[in-house]
Amino acid sequence: MFRSIRHGLFAALAGFTVLICVCHAGLALVISYVTEDMLVERLLEREAAAMTAHFRRHGESGKPGSDLIRAYRCWRMKCAA
């Protein structure tokens, strides 16, 4: 299979290195996805609470505090224009 022990050892080490690299990249991808999802969810919950409090105080919906969030009056085009 391999011409010498040296080539076999280098092939095994290269394969192990690639395997470790792929595992670390996958782990980093999963961690970043979960962290980003938790941050966005927390941001939306905080913004929903702030907009609900504003609506209860003033009787109308206000603008979101973040430029990343948009609030629409209608959902799925069920409101009259």
Protein backbone atom coordinates (compact mmCIF):
# COMPACT_ATOMS: atom_id res chain seq x y z
CA MET A 1 0.00 0.00 0.00
CA PHE A 2 2.61 2.54 1.06
CA ARG A 3 6.21 2.33 -0.05
CA SER A 4 7.60 2.95 3.39
CA ILE A 5 6.62 3.47 6.98
CA ARG A 6 7.53 7.13 6.57
CA HIS A 7 4.97 7.69 3.79
CA GLY A 8 2.32 5.81 5.74
CA LEU A 9 3.00 7.86 8.85
CA PHE A 10 2.83 11.15 6.94
CA ALA A 11 -0.42 10.07 5.24
CA ALA A 12 -1.95 9.13 8.61
CA LEU A 13 -0.86 12.43 10.19
CA ALA A 14 -2.17 14.42 7.21
CA GLY A 15 -5.50 12.61 7.39
CA PHE A 16 -5.71 13.18 11.13
CA THR A 17 -4.89 16.88 10.63
CA VAL A 18 -7.62 17.27 8.02
CA LEU A 19 -10.10 15.47 10.28
CA ILE A 20 -9.27 17.74 13.23
CA CYS A 21 -9.58 20.83 10.99
CA VAL A 22 -13.00 19.75 9.68
CA CYS A 23 -14.23 18.99 13.21
CA HIS A 24 -13.10 22.36 14.53
CA ALA A 25 -14.64 24.21 11.58
CA GLY A 26 -17.95 22.39 12.08
CA LEU A 27 -17.93 23.08 15.79
CA ALA A 28 -17.20 26.77 15.19
CA LEU A 29 -20.06 26.94 12.67
CA VAL A 30 -22.54 25.34 15.07
CA ILE A 31 -21.47 27.57 17.97
CA SER A 32 -21.73 30.74 15.87
CA TYR A 33 -25.17 29.73 14.56
CA VAL A 34 -26.54 29.00 18.04
CA THR A 35 -25.04 32.16 19.53
CA GLU A 36 -26.39 34.35 16.72
CA ASP A 37 -29.83 32.76 17.05
CA MET A 38 -29.90 33.42 20.80
CA LEU A 39 -28.80 37.04 20.34
CA VAL A 40 -31.45 37.76 17.71
CA GLU A 41 -34.15 36.12 19.81
CA ARG A 42 -33.17 38.18 22.85
CA LEU A 43 -33.12 41.37 20.78
CA LEU A 44 -36.61 40.67 19.39
CA GLU A 45 -38.01 39.88 22.85
CA ARG A 46 -36.58 43.10 24.27
CA GLU A 47 -37.95 45.14 21.37
CA ALA A 48 -41.39 43.50 21.62
CA ALA A 49 -41.55 44.31 25.34
CA ALA A 50 -40.57 47.93 24.70
CA MET A 51 -43.12 48.35 21.91
CA THR A 52 -45.85 46.72 24.02
CA ALA A 53 -45.12 49.07 26.92
CA HIS A 54 -45.20 52.06 24.54
CA PHE A 55 -48.53 50.90 23.12
CA ARG A 56 -50.04 50.51 26.61
CA ARG A 57 -48.91 53.99 27.64
CA HIS A 58 -49.76 55.92 24.49
CA GLY A 59 -52.38 53.79 22.73
CA GLU A 60 -50.40 53.67 19.50
CA SER A 61 -47.46 51.70 18.28
CA GLY A 62 -44.18 53.54 18.20
CA LYS A 63 -41.06 53.10 16.15
CA PRO A 64 -38.70 50.28 17.08
CA GLY A 65 -35.63 51.37 19.00
CA SER A 66 -33.27 49.49 16.69
CA ASP A 67 -32.64 50.22 13.03
CA LEU A 68 -32.40 46.48 12.44
CA ILE A 69 -36.08 45.91 13.26
CA ARG A 70 -39.14 47.00 11.32
CA ALA A 71 -42.67 46.95 12.64
CA TYR A 72 -45.51 46.55 10.16
CA ARG A 73 -49.11 47.43 10.77
CA CYS A 74 -50.45 44.49 8.75
CA TRP A 75 -49.36 40.90 8.71
CA ARG A 76 -49.75 38.86 5.52
CA MET A 77 -51.68 41.67 3.82
CA LYS A 78 -54.88 41.10 5.87
CA CYS A 79 -55.39 44.80 6.69
CA ALA A 80 -57.43 47.19 4.64
CA ALA A 81 -55.38 49.79 2.85
